[in-house]
Amino acid sequence: MEKEGLSATVDPDGELVTAAAAGSRDAFDELVRRHQSAMLTLARVLTGGRGDADDLAQEAFVRAWRNLPAFRGDSTFRTWLHRVAINVVRTSQAKEGRLRRLFDAGGRSDEPFDPPDTGEPIETALARRQAIDRALASLPYELRLPVTLRDLQGLEYKEIAALLKVPIGTVESRIFRARQRLRPLLASLVERHV
C-alpha cells in the first residue's frame, strides 16, 4: 500500500486496512482491537469525562468502517482514525449543545471507569484518573486536544499538525501551554509517584 505521503512512513496497519477495505470483517475487528483503548481514552478526554465516551468511541469505529473504502492513505490509519474520532466527538458536542439550549438540561454526572494498573488499589487508580480528567477538562479545547493526542495517544507532532490542519509550530506551542497549565493541577499526582 505505497501511497503518496506515506513513502517515508510505513503504516503498521496497512495490510489490515487493505483487507478491511476489501470487506474483511476479521481484519477490521483486528484494527478495532489495536486501537480501541486509544479511541476510548481520546473520547473520554475530549468530552471531559462524560459517560458517553464508550458510545462515541464505538461510533468512531462505525464511521471508520463505513468510510474505509474512501481512505486514501495520505496518512497512517491511526492518524485517520483519530481524525474520525475527533469529528464524532465534535458532532456529538454540537448536538448536545443544541439540545441543552433547547431543553436547558444540566450536565451529566456519570463517571468513566478505567481498570486500575496491576497492583494499584482501585480507589487510588480511580482518584488518579478523575484528577487527570478534571485537569484536562479545565483546559480550553484548542489546548486539550493537542496535548491529549501527544501525551495520551502518543501521536507525533507532525501527525497532530496534519490531523488538526495547523502548522507544527502551533502544535508545539499549544502543547507547551497545555503542559504549563496542567503542571500545577497535577503536581500532587507527580509527587506521589516520584
Protein backbone atom coordinates (compact mmCIF):
# COMPACT_ATOMS: atom_id res chain seq x y z
CA MET A 1 0.00 0.00 0.00
CA GLU A 2 2.51 2.60 -1.14
CA LYS A 3 0.69 5.90 -1.40
CA GLU A 4 1.74 9.50 -1.58
CA GLY A 5 2.57 10.93 1.83
CA LEU A 6 3.47 7.50 3.21
CA SER A 7 6.67 6.93 1.29
CA ALA A 8 8.74 7.83 4.38
CA THR A 9 6.26 6.31 6.84
CA VAL A 10 5.16 2.71 6.69
CA ASP A 11 1.69 2.19 8.10
CA PRO A 12 1.84 -0.76 10.52
CA ASP A 13 -1.88 -1.27 9.88
CA GLY A 14 -1.52 -1.20 6.08
CA GLU A 15 -2.23 -4.84 5.34
CA LEU A 16 -5.22 -4.94 7.68
CA VAL A 17 -6.58 -1.71 6.20
CA THR A 18 -6.31 -3.11 2.68
CA ALA A 19 -8.09 -6.32 3.71
CA ALA A 20 -10.77 -4.45 5.67
CA ALA A 21 -11.39 -2.04 2.78
CA ALA A 22 -11.92 -5.12 0.59
CA GLY A 23 -14.62 -6.25 3.02
CA SER A 24 -12.80 -8.43 5.57
CA ARG A 25 -14.64 -8.09 8.86
CA ASP A 26 -11.89 -10.06 10.64
CA ALA A 27 -9.27 -7.54 9.50
CA PHE A 28 -11.40 -4.64 10.70
CA ASP A 29 -12.04 -6.39 14.03
CA GLU A 30 -8.25 -6.59 14.49
CA LEU A 31 -7.95 -2.87 13.74
CA VAL A 32 -10.59 -2.22 16.39
CA ARG A 33 -8.67 -4.36 18.92
CA ARG A 34 -5.46 -2.46 18.16
CA HIS A 35 -6.99 1.00 18.54
CA GLN A 36 -9.97 0.60 20.86
CA SER A 37 -8.22 1.70 24.05
CA ALA A 38 -6.76 4.80 22.38
CA MET A 39 -10.13 5.81 20.91
CA LEU A 40 -11.88 5.36 24.25
CA THR A 41 -9.26 7.47 26.02
CA LEU A 42 -9.50 10.14 23.34
CA ALA A 43 -13.30 10.27 23.55
CA ARG A 44 -13.23 10.38 27.35
CA VAL A 45 -10.72 13.21 27.47
CA LEU A 46 -12.33 15.28 24.73
CA THR A 47 -15.74 15.02 26.41
CA GLY A 48 -14.39 15.94 29.82
CA GLY A 49 -15.24 12.52 31.23
CA ARG A 50 -18.88 12.39 30.16
CA GLY A 51 -20.41 8.97 30.42
CA ASP A 52 -20.91 8.56 26.67
CA ALA A 53 -17.24 8.07 25.77
CA ASP A 54 -17.83 4.35 25.07
CA ASP A 55 -20.63 5.19 22.65
CA LEU A 56 -18.56 7.86 20.91
CA ALA A 57 -15.57 5.54 20.50
CA GLN A 58 -17.88 2.89 19.06
CA GLU A 59 -19.43 5.46 16.71
CA ALA A 60 -15.92 6.40 15.51
CA PHE A 61 -15.30 2.77 14.54
CA VAL A 62 -18.69 2.53 12.82
CA ARG A 63 -17.89 5.63 10.77
CA ALA A 64 -14.40 4.32 10.03
CA TRP A 65 -15.86 1.02 8.77
CA ARG A 66 -18.35 2.84 6.53
CA ASN A 67 -15.72 5.22 5.15
CA LEU A 68 -12.78 2.82 4.92
CA PRO A 69 -13.10 2.38 1.14
CA ALA A 70 -12.58 6.16 0.83
CA PHE A 71 -9.39 6.09 2.96
CA ARG A 72 -6.69 7.27 0.56
CA GLY A 73 -3.68 6.54 2.72
CA ASP A 74 -2.47 10.16 2.82
CA SER A 75 -1.74 9.48 6.49
CA THR A 76 -1.45 6.37 8.60
CA PHE A 77 -4.66 4.59 9.51
CA ARG A 78 -4.07 5.58 13.16
CA THR A 79 -3.94 9.28 12.28
CA TRP A 80 -7.02 8.98 10.06
CA LEU A 81 -8.91 7.13 12.82
CA HIS A 82 -8.06 9.90 15.29
CA ARG A 83 -9.48 12.42 12.82
CA VAL A 84 -12.68 10.36 12.53
CA ALA A 85 -12.98 10.16 16.33
CA ILE A 86 -12.41 13.89 16.78
CA ASN A 87 -15.14 14.60 14.22
CA VAL A 88 -17.52 12.21 16.02
CA VAL A 89 -16.88 13.97 19.34
CA ARG A 90 -17.28 17.42 17.80
CA THR A 91 -20.57 16.40 16.19
CA SER A 92 -21.77 14.98 19.49
CA GLN A 93 -20.80 18.11 21.39
CA ALA A 94 -22.53 20.36 18.87
CA LYS A 95 -25.68 18.23 19.06
CA GLU A 96 -25.55 18.17 22.87
CA GLY A 97 -25.09 21.95 22.93
CA ARG A 98 -28.17 22.42 20.75
CA LEU A 99 -30.22 20.05 22.91
CA ARG A 100 -29.01 21.66 26.13
CA ARG A 101 -30.03 25.08 24.87
CA LEU A 102 -33.36 23.68 23.73
CA PHE A 103 -34.20 21.83 26.94
CA ASP A 104 -31.95 23.71 29.38
CA ALA A 105 -30.59 20.39 30.64
CA GLY A 106 -27.77 20.23 33.16
CA GLY A 107 -24.55 18.28 32.76
CA ARG A 108 -24.25 14.59 33.42
CA SER A 109 -22.63 13.16 36.49
CA ASP A 110 -21.73 9.66 35.23
CA GLU A 111 -18.11 8.91 35.90
CA PRO A 112 -15.97 6.89 33.50
CA PHE A 113 -14.19 3.85 34.84
CA ASP A 114 -10.70 2.74 33.92
CA PRO A 115 -9.43 -0.54 35.27
CA PRO A 116 -6.55 0.10 37.66
CA ASP A 117 -2.95 -0.68 36.80
CA THR A 118 -1.88 -4.08 38.08
CA GLY A 119 -1.22 -3.90 41.79
CA GLU A 120 -2.71 -0.44 42.22
CA PRO A 121 -5.71 -0.20 44.59
CA ILE A 122 -8.89 0.60 42.70
CA GLU A 123 -9.56 3.69 44.82
CA THR A 124 -6.13 5.09 44.01
CA ALA A 125 -6.49 4.42 40.29
CA LEU A 126 -9.97 5.96 40.16
CA ALA A 127 -8.85 9.05 42.09
CA ARG A 128 -5.83 9.46 39.80
CA ARG A 129 -7.95 9.05 36.65
CA GLN A 130 -10.53 11.55 37.93
CA ALA A 131 -7.81 14.09 38.79
CA ILE A 132 -6.32 13.78 35.30
CA ASP A 133 -9.76 14.04 33.66
CA ARG A 134 -10.62 17.15 35.72
CA ALA A 135 -7.28 18.78 34.91
CA LEU A 136 -7.66 18.10 31.19
CA ALA A 137 -11.30 19.25 31.23
CA SER A 138 -10.17 22.58 32.68
CA LEU A 139 -8.14 23.31 29.55
CA PRO A 140 -9.65 25.11 26.58
CA TYR A 141 -10.39 22.71 23.74
CA GLU A 142 -7.61 24.08 21.50
CA LEU A 143 -5.06 23.12 24.19
CA ARG A 144 -6.74 19.95 25.46
CA LEU A 145 -6.89 18.30 22.04
CA PRO A 146 -3.20 18.50 21.03
CA VAL A 147 -1.87 17.60 24.50
CA THR A 148 -4.21 14.60 24.59
CA LEU A 149 -3.13 13.48 21.13
CA ARG A 150 0.55 13.79 22.09
CA ASP A 151 0.73 12.74 25.73
CA LEU A 152 -2.11 10.23 25.97
CA GLN A 153 -2.37 8.96 22.41
CA GLY A 154 1.33 9.09 21.51
CA LEU A 155 0.93 10.80 18.15
CA GLU A 156 3.94 12.58 16.69
CA TYR A 157 3.90 16.36 16.34
CA LYS A 158 3.72 16.16 12.54
CA GLU A 159 0.76 13.74 12.78
CA ILE A 160 -1.05 16.13 15.10
CA ALA A 161 -0.32 19.07 12.79
CA ALA A 162 -1.73 17.15 9.83
CA LEU A 163 -4.73 15.98 11.80
CA LEU A 164 -5.57 19.48 13.10
CA LYS A 165 -4.53 21.18 9.86
CA VAL A 166 -2.27 23.68 11.65
CA PRO A 167 1.48 24.35 11.40
CA ILE A 168 3.73 22.17 13.55
CA GLY A 169 4.86 25.26 15.47
CA THR A 170 1.27 25.89 16.52
CA VAL A 171 1.01 22.31 17.77
CA GLU A 172 4.24 22.68 19.75
CA SER A 173 3.08 25.97 21.24
CA ARG A 174 -0.33 24.61 22.24
CA ILE A 175 1.17 21.51 23.84
CA PHE A 176 3.70 23.64 25.73
CA ARG A 177 0.94 25.95 27.03
CA ALA A 178 -1.27 22.98 27.96
CA ARG A 179 1.54 21.34 29.91
CA GLN A 180 2.26 24.64 31.68
CA ARG A 181 -1.38 24.83 32.81
CA LEU A 182 -1.52 21.14 33.76
CA ARG A 183 1.68 21.15 35.82
CA PRO A 184 0.25 22.83 38.95
CA LEU A 185 -3.03 20.91 38.64
CA LEU A 186 -1.27 17.54 38.58
CA ALA A 187 1.67 18.36 40.86
CA SER A 188 0.28 16.28 43.73
CA LEU A 189 0.00 13.20 41.48
CA VAL A 190 3.56 13.58 40.26
CA GLU A 191 4.88 13.98 43.82
CA ARG A 192 3.14 10.76 44.93
CA HIS A 193 4.69 8.74 42.08
CA VAL A 194 8.26 10.04 42.49
